[in-house]
Amino acid sequence: MRRDEEIMTAVLEFATFTVRDGHEVALVAERDEMIEALRQAFPGLLAAWLTRRDDGTWVDVILWRARAEAETAARQVCNVEQARACRRPFLAVPFATPGHVPRHSAAPFRGPGTS
């Protein structure tokens, strides 16, 4: 395997949003199904974390294999039934424009089986 095939430039996506009062349980309950649907539709999704800030906003952090895959997913996410974030009734502010760690700042990601 060539060295450039072993190391990928991974990208982190940060989407910040708020949830309507009383709907946090629904957000968390639907999360696993949504992430799995996204993984099926977008194989470049490597990992996902959800966190709530002290100010009550939520941050969805997604690790993508490459920026192009993250950008494709951002354009097509509403085509995935379980991930129609743009229509989720419990979101007070739909998923914001994602921010990406700039390519020059991203640390190389070594895929499974590489050293």
Foldseek 3Di string as FASTA:
>chain_A
DDPVVFWFQKKKKKWKFAFAPPCPVVCVVLVVVLVVLLCVVQVQFDDWDWDADPVRMIIIITIGRHPVSVVVCVVCQCVRVSRNQVPDPGTPGGTDDIDMDDSVPTDIDGDPPDD
